[in-house]
Amino acid sequence: MHQRSTSNGTSVLHERTLVLNKHWTAVATTTVRTALVLLYRETARVICPDTYEVYDLGGWIGRSQTRNGAARAILTPRYRIEKPEVILLREYGGRPRREVTFSRKNLYRRDNYTCQYCGQRRPSEELSIDHVTPKSQGGRTAWDNCVLACIRCNTRKANKTLRDVGFQLIAKPEKPRWSPFEEVSKRERPVSWEKFLSDEYWNSELRD
């Protein structure tokens, strides 16, 4: 499949699509690739954010052919398919328990690009992930045992405990409490999402 890419070289298929349950409540995000698979399997439909019209895959492909000047699209040998920004699940009406993904990106965000031992903020290439309790001593790879450390502090700590090297954490490592929708930065979110995330905003847990 030939694809139109973003300016930074990232494929449109790897961008994010907002997922609504059958009651039109935002429940998740997924990749454009997965969204197209759900459309193909007829377990979801596309919502046009401007008109709130709902399309199956065939209808969406047909609509895309009439909008040559439209924004982002996937190019196949036969069709030009406009990127689905919001999809609606046909059957699922629940609201799954949401967990923030344990990922390098979210760990850097949680610790604000700051070494948790010396407190210095550094560029990402000058930071690494350290296990507070070393893996060699049974430490888990989890939110409550992983922190950012500058290369100097991480080298000094090595596979020792905090007591061994006289380090203190500047903050207790914990699982973030932000909404998983915040994992997609506002800069990366289509404007269309805001129409469907308003309930999430008002009902989300407040944080200090």
Protein backbone atom coordinates (compact mmCIF):
# COMPACT_ATOMS: atom_id res chain seq x y z
CA MET A 1 0.00 0.00 0.00
CA HIS A 2 1.38 3.40 -0.97
CA GLN A 3 0.92 6.02 1.73
CA ARG A 4 1.17 9.76 1.98
CA SER A 5 3.49 10.61 4.85
CA THR A 6 3.75 13.41 7.34
CA SER A 7 6.47 16.04 7.12
CA ASN A 8 8.58 14.23 9.68
CA GLY A 9 8.39 10.98 7.74
CA THR A 10 5.85 9.25 9.98
CA SER A 11 3.23 7.31 8.00
CA VAL A 12 -0.36 8.46 8.17
CA LEU A 13 -1.24 4.89 9.13
CA HIS A 14 0.64 5.33 12.40
CA GLU A 15 -1.18 8.52 13.41
CA ARG A 16 -4.00 8.35 15.95
CA THR A 17 -7.77 8.02 15.51
CA LEU A 18 -10.27 8.76 18.28
CA VAL A 19 -12.57 5.84 19.14
CA LEU A 20 -16.14 6.37 20.41
CA ASN A 21 -18.39 3.68 21.81
CA LYS A 22 -21.87 3.19 20.38
CA HIS A 23 -23.17 5.90 22.74
CA TRP A 24 -20.77 8.43 21.16
CA THR A 25 -18.54 8.57 24.25
CA ALA A 26 -14.78 8.70 23.72
CA VAL A 27 -13.23 5.50 25.07
CA ALA A 28 -9.78 5.19 23.46
CA THR A 29 -7.44 6.12 20.67
CA THR A 30 -5.97 3.75 18.12
CA THR A 31 -3.79 3.92 15.03
CA VAL A 32 -5.26 4.86 11.67
CA ARG A 33 -4.18 1.41 10.47
CA THR A 34 -6.25 -0.33 13.17
CA ALA A 35 -9.17 2.02 12.54
CA LEU A 36 -9.23 0.97 8.88
CA VAL A 37 -9.16 -2.70 9.91
CA LEU A 38 -12.17 -2.11 12.18
CA LEU A 39 -13.97 -0.42 9.28
CA TYR A 40 -13.14 -3.31 6.96
CA ARG A 41 -14.50 -5.79 9.51
CA GLU A 42 -17.65 -3.66 9.82
CA THR A 43 -17.22 -3.32 13.58
CA ALA A 44 -16.89 0.46 13.31
CA ARG A 45 -17.94 3.36 11.12
CA VAL A 46 -16.37 6.75 10.40
CA ILE A 47 -17.86 9.97 11.72
CA CYS A 48 -17.55 13.13 9.64
CA PRO A 49 -16.77 15.68 12.40
CA ASP A 50 -18.23 18.59 10.43
CA THR A 51 -21.67 17.10 9.74
CA TYR A 52 -21.75 14.16 12.20
CA GLU A 53 -22.71 11.91 9.29
CA VAL A 54 -21.70 8.26 9.71
CA TYR A 55 -20.08 6.21 6.93
CA ASP A 56 -19.15 2.60 6.41
CA LEU A 57 -15.84 1.91 4.66
CA GLY A 58 -17.32 1.93 1.17
CA GLY A 59 -19.13 5.18 1.81
CA TRP A 60 -16.01 6.76 3.27
CA ILE A 61 -13.92 5.72 0.27
CA GLY A 62 -16.56 7.17 -2.05
CA ARG A 63 -16.62 10.43 -0.10
CA SER A 64 -12.83 10.62 -0.17
CA GLN A 65 -12.78 10.52 -3.98
CA THR A 66 -14.79 13.75 -4.12
CA ARG A 67 -12.42 15.62 -1.80
CA ASN A 68 -9.11 15.79 -3.64
CA GLY A 69 -8.13 18.91 -1.74
CA ALA A 70 -8.87 17.39 1.65
CA ALA A 71 -6.19 17.08 4.28
CA ARG A 72 -4.38 13.89 5.15
CA ALA A 73 -5.01 10.69 3.24
CA ILE A 74 -3.79 7.17 2.60
CA LEU A 75 -2.97 6.43 -1.04
CA THR A 76 -3.56 2.92 -2.37
CA PRO A 77 -3.13 1.69 -5.98
CA ARG A 78 -6.92 2.08 -6.43
CA TYR A 79 -8.13 4.66 -3.94
CA ARG A 80 -7.34 7.78 -2.05
CA ILE A 81 -8.78 7.29 1.46
CA GLU A 82 -9.11 10.32 3.68
CA LYS A 83 -7.72 9.75 7.16
CA PRO A 84 -10.52 8.75 9.58
CA GLU A 85 -10.09 11.10 12.55
CA VAL A 86 -13.01 9.73 14.60
CA ILE A 87 -14.65 6.29 14.43
CA LEU A 88 -17.79 4.94 16.09
CA LEU A 89 -17.97 1.36 17.34
CA ARG A 90 -21.12 -0.46 16.23
CA GLU A 91 -21.73 -2.74 19.23
CA TYR A 92 -19.47 -1.84 22.16
CA GLY A 93 -21.14 0.48 24.66
CA GLY A 94 -18.87 0.14 27.69
CA ARG A 95 -16.21 2.39 29.12
CA PRO A 96 -13.09 0.33 29.78
CA ARG A 97 -10.87 1.05 32.73
CA ARG A 98 -8.15 3.22 31.33
CA GLU A 99 -4.52 2.78 32.20
CA VAL A 100 -1.72 5.09 31.14
CA THR A 101 0.62 3.11 28.92
CA PHE A 102 3.93 2.28 30.59
CA SER A 103 6.24 3.55 27.86
CA ARG A 104 9.48 5.43 27.48
CA LYS A 105 7.59 8.47 26.15
CA ASN A 106 5.24 8.60 29.15
CA LEU A 107 8.06 8.00 31.64
CA TYR A 108 9.97 10.97 30.22
CA ARG A 109 6.82 13.02 30.43
CA ARG A 110 6.09 11.99 34.03
CA ASP A 111 9.59 12.91 35.19
CA ASN A 112 9.62 16.10 33.11
CA TYR A 113 12.96 15.26 31.45
CA THR A 114 14.58 15.66 34.87
CA CYS A 115 17.11 13.40 36.58
CA GLN A 116 15.38 12.08 39.69
CA TYR A 117 18.67 11.98 41.62
CA CYS A 118 20.42 15.30 40.95
CA GLY A 119 17.34 17.26 39.82
CA GLN A 120 18.87 18.59 36.61
CA ARG A 121 16.66 18.87 33.53
CA ARG A 122 18.38 17.40 30.48
CA PRO A 123 17.71 16.73 26.78
CA SER A 124 16.37 13.24 26.13
CA GLU A 125 19.67 12.01 24.72
CA GLU A 126 21.37 12.85 28.03
CA LEU A 127 18.90 10.84 30.10
CA SER A 128 18.41 7.13 30.69
CA ILE A 129 15.96 4.97 32.60
CA ASP A 130 17.20 3.63 35.92
CA HIS A 131 15.73 0.91 38.12
CA VAL A 132 15.62 2.30 41.68
CA THR A 133 15.91 -1.24 43.04
CA PRO A 134 18.32 -2.84 40.55
CA LYS A 135 17.01 -5.64 38.37
CA SER A 136 19.87 -7.79 39.65
CA GLN A 137 18.30 -7.47 43.11
CA GLY A 138 14.76 -8.25 42.01
CA GLY A 139 13.66 -4.76 40.96
CA ARG A 140 10.69 -4.66 38.58
CA THR A 141 10.37 -2.74 35.35
CA ALA A 142 7.33 -0.76 36.46
CA TRP A 143 6.13 2.77 37.18
CA ASP A 144 7.07 2.57 40.86
CA ASN A 145 10.63 1.37 40.25
CA CYS A 146 11.77 3.24 37.12
CA VAL A 147 12.95 6.83 37.00
CA LEU A 148 14.90 9.10 34.71
CA ALA A 149 18.57 9.54 35.53
CA CYS A 150 21.23 11.57 33.82
CA ILE A 151 24.11 9.57 32.43
CA ARG A 152 26.45 10.72 35.20
CA CYS A 153 24.09 9.66 38.02
CA ASN A 154 23.13 6.41 36.32
CA THR A 155 26.78 5.51 35.81
CA ARG A 156 27.58 6.27 39.44
CA LYS A 157 24.61 4.28 40.75
CA ALA A 158 25.14 1.31 38.39
CA ASN A 159 23.51 -1.75 39.99
CA LYS A 160 23.69 -0.41 43.55
CA THR A 161 20.86 0.62 45.87
CA LEU A 162 20.16 4.22 46.83
CA ARG A 163 21.65 3.58 50.27
CA ASP A 164 24.83 2.17 48.74
CA VAL A 165 25.54 5.40 46.83
CA GLY A 166 23.85 7.89 49.16
CA PHE A 167 21.23 8.98 46.60
CA GLN A 168 17.77 10.30 47.38
CA LEU A 169 14.87 10.51 44.96
CA ILE A 170 13.48 13.99 44.37
CA ALA A 171 9.99 12.50 43.93
CA LYS A 172 8.41 9.13 44.66
CA PRO A 173 7.93 7.23 41.38
CA GLU A 174 4.24 6.50 40.83
CA LYS A 175 1.88 5.62 38.02
CA PRO A 176 0.62 8.86 36.41
CA ARG A 177 -3.01 9.75 36.93
CA TRP A 178 -3.58 11.71 33.75
CA SER A 179 -6.17 10.60 31.21
CA PRO A 180 -4.78 8.32 28.50
CA PHE A 181 -6.20 10.79 25.97
CA GLU A 182 -3.48 13.15 27.15
CA GLU A 183 -0.89 10.72 25.80
CA VAL A 184 -1.60 12.31 22.44
CA SER A 185 -0.32 15.88 22.78
CA LYS A 186 -2.66 18.73 21.90
CA ARG A 187 -0.33 19.63 19.04
CA GLU A 188 -0.91 16.18 17.52
CA ARG A 189 -4.69 16.05 18.07
CA PRO A 190 -7.02 16.94 15.20
CA VAL A 191 -9.32 19.85 16.05
CA SER A 192 -12.24 17.49 15.42
CA TRP A 193 -11.44 15.53 18.59
CA GLU A 194 -12.38 18.42 20.86
CA LYS A 195 -16.06 18.01 19.98
CA PHE A 196 -16.01 14.51 21.39
CA LEU A 197 -13.60 14.95 24.31
CA SER A 198 -15.59 17.63 26.13
CA ASP A 199 -17.26 15.07 28.44
CA GLU A 200 -13.88 13.51 29.17
CA TYR A 201 -12.59 16.95 30.17
CA TRP A 202 -15.39 17.72 32.61
CA ASN A 203 -15.52 14.23 34.11
CA SER A 204 -11.78 13.56 34.38
CA GLU A 205 -10.06 13.30 37.77
CA LEU A 206 -8.45 16.53 38.94
CA ARG A 207 -4.71 16.44 39.60
CA ASP A 208 -2.48 18.62 41.75
